[in-house]
Amino acid sequence: MKLFKKKEKLNNKGMALVMVIVAIGLVTLLVSVLLSISFINFQMKITEKKSKDTFYNSEVFLDQIRM
């Protein structure tokens, strides 16, 4: 009977592939969140510009009516 058994080496061949897939998934998630936030910000800026244009156009029309 052997007192000291040689420990078998663990096989980690597939772990690198799993880590790459997880890393790519996280990067994809972060990029999609950043793109959606920037798109929403762009839409808000367009809406703000349209509302300011509408406000100033209405002021111009009211001034023309008063004259």
PDB file of N, CA and C in Angstrom:
ATOM      1  N   MET A   1       0.839  -1.170   0.000  1.00  0.00           N
ATOM      2  CA  MET A   1       0.000   0.000   0.000  1.00  0.00           C
ATOM      3  C   MET A   1       0.887   1.238   0.000  1.00  0.00           C
ATOM      4  N   LYS A   2       0.562   2.152  -0.879  1.00  0.00           N
ATOM      5  CA  LYS A   2       1.370   3.364  -0.975  1.00  0.00           C
ATOM      6  C   LYS A   2       0.860   4.394   0.022  1.00  0.00           C
ATOM      7  N   LEU A   3       1.757   4.976   0.751  1.00  0.00           N
ATOM      8  CA  LEU A   3       1.355   6.012   1.710  1.00  0.00           C
ATOM      9  C   LEU A   3       1.135   7.355   1.016  1.00  0.00           C
ATOM     10  N   PHE A   4       1.966   7.619   0.045  1.00  0.00           N
ATOM     11  CA  PHE A   4       1.867   8.891  -0.669  1.00  0.00           C
ATOM     12  C   PHE A   4       1.416   8.627  -2.095  1.00  0.00           C
ATOM     13  N   LYS A   5       0.190   8.961  -2.359  1.00  0.00           N
ATOM     14  CA  LYS A   5      -0.315   8.799  -3.728  1.00  0.00           C
ATOM     15  C   LYS A   5      -0.022  10.072  -4.502  1.00  0.00           C
ATOM     16  N   LYS A   6       0.363   9.875  -5.716  1.00  0.00           N
ATOM     17  CA  LYS A   6       0.642  11.021  -6.576  1.00  0.00           C
ATOM     18  C   LYS A   6      -0.698  11.653  -6.990  1.00  0.00           C
ATOM     19  N   LYS A   7      -0.825  12.945  -6.737  1.00  0.00           N
ATOM     20  CA  LYS A   7      -2.069  13.622  -7.104  1.00  0.00           C
ATOM     21  C   LYS A   7      -2.122  13.789  -8.623  1.00  0.00           C
ATOM     22  N   GLU A   8      -3.281  13.520  -9.141  1.00  0.00           N
ATOM     23  CA  GLU A   8      -3.447  13.690 -10.582  1.00  0.00           C
ATOM     24  C   GLU A   8      -3.574  15.164 -10.913  1.00  0.00           C
ATOM     25  N   LYS A   9      -2.976  15.537 -12.028  1.00  0.00           N
ATOM     26  CA  LYS A   9      -3.024  16.930 -12.471  1.00  0.00           C
ATOM     27  C   LYS A   9      -4.424  17.238 -13.002  1.00  0.00           C
ATOM     28  N   LEU A  10      -4.959  18.380 -12.602  1.00  0.00           N
ATOM     29  CA  LEU A  10      -6.291  18.766 -13.070  1.00  0.00           C
ATOM     30  C   LEU A  10      -6.237  19.174 -14.529  1.00  0.00           C
ATOM     31  N   ASN A  11      -7.263  18.837 -15.254  1.00  0.00           N
ATOM     32  CA  ASN A  11      -7.336  19.167 -16.676  1.00  0.00           C
ATOM     33  C   ASN A  11      -8.168  20.435 -16.834  1.00  0.00           C
ATOM     34  N   ASN A  12      -7.510  21.531 -17.193  1.00  0.00           N
ATOM     35  CA  ASN A  12      -8.191  22.820 -17.354  1.00  0.00           C
ATOM     36  C   ASN A  12      -8.205  23.271 -18.805  1.00  0.00           C
ATOM     37  N   LYS A  13      -8.254  22.352 -19.723  1.00  0.00           N
ATOM     38  CA  LYS A  13      -8.173  22.722 -21.143  1.00  0.00           C
ATOM     39  C   LYS A  13      -9.372  23.540 -21.598  1.00  0.00           C
ATOM     40  N   GLY A  14     -10.546  23.251 -21.142  1.00  0.00           N
ATOM     41  CA  GLY A  14     -11.743  23.950 -21.598  1.00  0.00           C
ATOM     42  C   GLY A  14     -12.038  25.226 -20.828  1.00  0.00           C
ATOM     43  N   MET A  15     -11.333  25.453 -19.740  1.00  0.00           N
ATOM     44  CA  MET A  15     -11.617  26.616 -18.897  1.00  0.00           C
ATOM     45  C   MET A  15     -11.259  27.925 -19.593  1.00  0.00           C
ATOM     46  N   ALA A  16     -10.209  27.932 -20.386  1.00  0.00           N
ATOM     47  CA  ALA A  16      -9.826  29.159 -21.095  1.00  0.00           C
ATOM     48  C   ALA A  16     -10.913  29.584 -22.077  1.00  0.00           C
ATOM     49  N   LEU A  17     -11.486  28.628 -22.771  1.00  0.00           N
ATOM     50  CA  LEU A  17     -12.561  28.930 -23.718  1.00  0.00           C
ATOM     51  C   LEU A  17     -13.782  29.487 -22.993  1.00  0.00           C
ATOM     52  N   VAL A  18     -14.113  28.909 -21.862  1.00  0.00           N
ATOM     53  CA  VAL A  18     -15.248  29.392 -21.081  1.00  0.00           C
ATOM     54  C   VAL A  18     -14.997  30.819 -20.597  1.00  0.00           C
ATOM     55  N   MET A  19     -13.791  31.097 -20.131  1.00  0.00           N
ATOM     56  CA  MET A  19     -13.469  32.449 -19.654  1.00  0.00           C
ATOM     57  C   MET A  19     -13.512  33.469 -20.788  1.00  0.00           C
ATOM     58  N   VAL A  20     -13.059  33.096 -21.974  1.00  0.00           N
ATOM     59  CA  VAL A  20     -13.124  34.009 -23.125  1.00  0.00           C
ATOM     60  C   VAL A  20     -14.568  34.288 -23.494  1.00  0.00           C
ATOM     61  N   ILE A  21     -15.408  33.285 -23.488  1.00  0.00           N
ATOM     62  CA  ILE A  21     -16.823  33.476 -23.829  1.00  0.00           C
ATOM     63  C   ILE A  21     -17.503  34.365 -22.796  1.00  0.00           C
ATOM     64  N   VAL A  22     -17.202  34.174 -21.524  1.00  0.00           N
ATOM     65  CA  VAL A  22     -17.787  35.006 -20.469  1.00  0.00           C
ATOM     66  C   VAL A  22     -17.303  36.455 -20.609  1.00  0.00           C
ATOM     67  N   ALA A  23     -16.015  36.636 -20.892  1.00  0.00           N
ATOM     68  CA  ALA A  23     -15.470  37.988 -21.044  1.00  0.00           C
ATOM     69  C   ALA A  23     -16.091  38.703 -22.237  1.00  0.00           C
ATOM     70  N   ILE A  24     -16.237  37.997 -23.337  1.00  0.00           N
ATOM     71  CA  ILE A  24     -16.871  38.600 -24.518  1.00  0.00           C
ATOM     72  C   ILE A  24     -18.327  38.956 -24.219  1.00  0.00           C
ATOM     73  N   GLY A  25     -19.004  38.107 -23.476  1.00  0.00           N
ATOM     74  CA  GLY A  25     -20.393  38.407 -23.099  1.00  0.00           C
ATOM     75  C   GLY A  25     -20.498  39.658 -22.239  1.00  0.00           C
ATOM     76  N   LEU A  26     -19.587  39.808 -21.276  1.00  0.00           N
ATOM     77  CA  LEU A  26     -19.611  41.003 -20.429  1.00  0.00           C
ATOM     78  C   LEU A  26     -19.302  42.267 -21.222  1.00  0.00           C
ATOM     79  N   VAL A  27     -18.320  42.191 -22.104  1.00  0.00           N
ATOM     80  CA  VAL A  27     -17.987  43.353 -22.931  1.00  0.00           C
ATOM     81  C   VAL A  27     -19.153  43.714 -23.841  1.00  0.00           C
ATOM     82  N   THR A  28     -19.804  42.714 -24.410  1.00  0.00           N
ATOM     83  CA  THR A  28     -20.966  42.963 -25.267  1.00  0.00           C
ATOM     84  C   THR A  28     -22.089  43.619 -24.476  1.00  0.00           C
ATOM     85  N   LEU A  29     -22.312  43.160 -23.269  1.00  0.00           N
ATOM     86  CA  LEU A  29     -23.346  43.755 -22.417  1.00  0.00           C
ATOM     87  C   LEU A  29     -23.030  45.212 -22.099  1.00  0.00           C
ATOM     88  N   LEU A  30     -21.796  45.504 -21.753  1.00  0.00           N
ATOM     89  CA  LEU A  30     -21.415  46.885 -21.443  1.00  0.00           C
ATOM     90  C   LEU A  30     -21.546  47.792 -22.666  1.00  0.00           C
ATOM     91  N   VAL A  31     -21.127  47.306 -23.819  1.00  0.00           N
ATOM     92  CA  VAL A  31     -21.231  48.115 -25.037  1.00  0.00           C
ATOM     93  C   VAL A  31     -22.692  48.381 -25.387  1.00  0.00           C
ATOM     94  N   SER A  32     -23.541  47.383 -25.249  1.00  0.00           N
ATOM     95  CA  SER A  32     -24.955  47.591 -25.575  1.00  0.00           C
ATOM     96  C   SER A  32     -25.608  48.572 -24.605  1.00  0.00           C
ATOM     97  N   VAL A  33     -25.231  48.536 -23.330  1.00  0.00           N
ATOM     98  CA  VAL A  33     -25.770  49.502 -22.361  1.00  0.00           C
ATOM     99  C   VAL A  33     -25.301  50.916 -22.712  1.00  0.00           C
ATOM    100  N   LEU A  34     -24.024  51.060 -23.041  1.00  0.00           N
ATOM    101  CA  LEU A  34     -23.514  52.392 -23.406  1.00  0.00           C
ATOM    102  C   LEU A  34     -24.175  52.931 -24.670  1.00  0.00           C
ATOM    103  N   LEU A  35     -24.389  52.062 -25.654  1.00  0.00           N
ATOM    104  CA  LEU A  35     -25.049  52.503 -26.883  1.00  0.00           C
ATOM    105  C   LEU A  35     -26.492  52.912 -26.626  1.00  0.00           C
ATOM    106  N   SER A  36     -27.194  52.173 -25.811  1.00  0.00           N
ATOM    107  CA  SER A  36     -28.590  52.529 -25.540  1.00  0.00           C
ATOM    108  C   SER A  36     -28.673  53.836 -24.755  1.00  0.00           C
ATOM    109  N   ILE A  37     -27.770  54.043 -23.810  1.00  0.00           N
ATOM    110  CA  ILE A  37     -27.771  55.299 -23.050  1.00  0.00           C
ATOM    111  C   ILE A  37     -27.456  56.481 -23.959  1.00  0.00           C
ATOM    112  N   SER A  38     -26.483  56.316 -24.850  1.00  0.00           N
ATOM    113  CA  SER A  38     -26.148  57.424 -25.746  1.00  0.00           C
ATOM    114  C   SER A  38     -27.282  57.697 -26.732  1.00  0.00           C
ATOM    115  N   PHE A  39     -27.980  56.654 -27.187  1.00  0.00           N
ATOM    116  CA  PHE A  39     -29.108  56.859 -28.092  1.00  0.00           C
ATOM    117  C   PHE A  39     -30.250  57.588 -27.392  1.00  0.00           C
ATOM    118  N   ILE A  40     -30.528  57.232 -26.154  1.00  0.00           N
ATOM    119  CA  ILE A  40     -31.571  57.912 -25.384  1.00  0.00           C
ATOM    120  C   ILE A  40     -31.198  59.376 -25.165  1.00  0.00           C
ATOM    121  N   ASN A  41     -29.921  59.633 -24.878  1.00  0.00           N
ATOM    122  CA  ASN A  41     -29.462  61.004 -24.709  1.00  0.00           C
ATOM    123  C   ASN A  41     -29.633  61.799 -26.000  1.00  0.00           C
ATOM    124  N   PHE A  42     -29.321  61.179 -27.130  1.00  0.00           N
ATOM    125  CA  PHE A  42     -29.497  61.842 -28.421  1.00  0.00           C
ATOM    126  C   PHE A  42     -30.966  62.178 -28.671  1.00  0.00           C
ATOM    127  N   GLN A  43     -31.866  61.250 -28.360  1.00  0.00           N
ATOM    128  CA  GLN A  43     -33.294  61.506 -28.533  1.00  0.00           C
ATOM    129  C   GLN A  43     -33.768  62.633 -27.622  1.00  0.00           C
ATOM    130  N   MET A  44     -33.254  62.699 -26.399  1.00  0.00           N
ATOM    131  CA  MET A  44     -33.635  63.769 -25.480  1.00  0.00           C
ATOM    132  C   MET A  44     -33.173  65.122 -25.994  1.00  0.00           C
ATOM    133  N   LYS A  45     -31.990  65.178 -26.580  1.00  0.00           N
ATOM    134  CA  LYS A  45     -31.507  66.444 -27.133  1.00  0.00           C
ATOM    135  C   LYS A  45     -32.358  66.897 -28.308  1.00  0.00           C
ATOM    136  N   ILE A  46     -32.763  65.969 -29.157  1.00  0.00           N
ATOM    137  CA  ILE A  46     -33.629  66.327 -30.285  1.00  0.00           C
ATOM    138  C   ILE A  46     -34.968  66.853 -29.775  1.00  0.00           C
ATOM    139  N   THR A  47     -35.542  66.185 -28.775  1.00  0.00           N
ATOM    140  CA  THR A  47     -36.821  66.617 -28.209  1.00  0.00           C
ATOM    141  C   THR A  47     -36.699  67.998 -27.580  1.00  0.00           C
ATOM    142  N   GLU A  48     -35.598  68.243 -26.871  1.00  0.00           N
ATOM    143  CA  GLU A  48     -35.392  69.556 -26.249  1.00  0.00           C
ATOM    144  C   GLU A  48     -35.269  70.651 -27.308  1.00  0.00           C
ATOM    145  N   LYS A  49     -34.550  70.371 -28.391  1.00  0.00           N
ATOM    146  CA  LYS A  49     -34.406  71.362 -29.457  1.00  0.00           C
ATOM    147  C   LYS A  49     -35.752  71.667 -30.116  1.00  0.00           C
ATOM    148  N   LYS A  50     -36.549  70.628 -30.352  1.00  0.00           N
ATOM    149  CA  LYS A  50     -37.864  70.842 -30.958  1.00  0.00           C
ATOM    150  C   LYS A  50     -38.770  71.656 -30.043  1.00  0.00           C
ATOM    151  N   SER A  51     -38.719  71.375 -28.753  1.00  0.00           N
ATOM    152  CA  SER A  51     -39.585  72.118 -27.835  1.00  0.00           C
ATOM    153  C   SER A  51     -39.155  73.582 -27.740  1.00  0.00           C
ATOM    154  N   LYS A  52     -37.858  73.860 -27.758  1.00  0.00           N
ATOM    155  CA  LYS A  52     -37.390  75.248 -27.744  1.00  0.00           C
ATOM    156  C   LYS A  52     -37.781  75.973 -29.022  1.00  0.00           C
ATOM    157  N   ASP A  53     -37.651  75.280 -30.159  1.00  0.00           N
ATOM    158  CA  ASP A  53     -38.058  75.900 -31.421  1.00  0.00           C
ATOM    159  C   ASP A  53     -39.547  76.222 -31.419  1.00  0.00           C
ATOM    160  N   THR A  54     -40.354  75.305 -30.915  1.00  0.00           N
ATOM    161  CA  THR A  54     -41.792  75.536 -30.851  1.00  0.00           C
ATOM    162  C   THR A  54     -42.116  76.704 -29.926  1.00  0.00           C
ATOM    163  N   PHE A  55     -41.441  76.779 -28.799  1.00  0.00           N
ATOM    164  CA  PHE A  55     -41.687  77.871 -27.863  1.00  0.00           C
ATOM    165  C   PHE A  55     -41.332  79.215 -28.489  1.00  0.00           C
ATOM    166  N   TYR A  56     -40.164  79.304 -29.097  1.00  0.00           N
ATOM    167  CA  TYR A  56     -39.761  80.585 -29.682  1.00  0.00           C
ATOM    168  C   TYR A  56     -40.608  80.956 -30.897  1.00  0.00           C
ATOM    169  N   ASN A  57     -41.060  79.956 -31.665  1.00  0.00           N
ATOM    170  CA  ASN A  57     -41.969  80.255 -32.780  1.00  0.00           C
ATOM    171  C   ASN A  57     -43.302  80.792 -32.263  1.00  0.00           C
ATOM    172  N   SER A  58     -43.790  80.220 -31.193  1.00  0.00           N
ATOM    173  CA  SER A  58     -45.054  80.722 -30.642  1.00  0.00           C
ATOM    174  C   SER A  58     -44.886  82.139 -30.098  1.00  0.00           C
ATOM    175  N   GLU A  59     -43.734  82.440 -29.513  1.00  0.00           N
ATOM    176  CA  GLU A  59     -43.474  83.804 -29.041  1.00  0.00           C
ATOM    177  C   GLU A  59     -43.447  84.787 -30.205  1.00  0.00           C
ATOM    178  N   VAL A  60     -42.847  84.379 -31.311  1.00  0.00           N
ATOM    179  CA  VAL A  60     -42.802  85.248 -32.489  1.00  0.00           C
ATOM    180  C   VAL A  60     -44.211  85.490 -33.010  1.00  0.00           C
ATOM    181  N   PHE A  61     -45.034  84.464 -33.081  1.00  0.00           N
ATOM    182  CA  PHE A  61     -46.402  84.626 -33.563  1.00  0.00           C
ATOM    183  C   PHE A  61     -47.227  85.514 -32.632  1.00  0.00           C
ATOM    184  N   LEU A  62     -47.022  85.349 -31.323  1.00  0.00           N
ATOM    185  CA  LEU A  62     -47.743  86.204 -30.395  1.00  0.00           C
ATOM    186  C   LEU A  62     -47.331  87.672 -30.517  1.00  0.00           C
ATOM    187  N   ASP A  63     -46.038  87.894 -30.746  1.00  0.00           N
ATOM    188  CA  ASP A  63     -45.580  89.277 -30.962  1.00  0.00           C
ATOM    189  C   ASP A  63     -46.153  89.865 -32.241  1.00  0.00           C
ATOM    190  N   GLN A  64     -46.277  89.058 -33.267  1.00  0.00           N
ATOM    191  CA  GLN A  64     -46.848  89.546 -34.535  1.00  0.00           C
ATOM    192  C   GLN A  64     -48.333  89.851 -34.383  1.00  0.00           C
ATOM    193  N   ILE A  65     -49.021  89.070 -33.585  1.00  0.00           N
ATOM    194  CA  ILE A  65     -50.442  89.303 -33.358  1.00  0.00           C
ATOM    195  C   ILE A  65     -50.643  90.600 -32.564  1.00  0.00           C
ATOM    196  N   ARG A  66     -49.802  90.858 -31.602  1.00  0.00           N
ATOM    197  CA  ARG A  66     -49.935  92.040 -30.771  1.00  0.00           C
ATOM    198  C   ARG A  66     -49.661  93.314 -31.542  1.00  0.00           C
ATOM    199  N   MET A  67     -48.848  93.271 -32.551  1.00  0.00           N
ATOM    200  CA  MET A  67     -48.524  94.482 -33.302  1.00  0.00           C
ATOM    201  C   MET A  67     -49.587  94.859 -34.219  1.00  0.00           C
TER     202      MET A  67
END
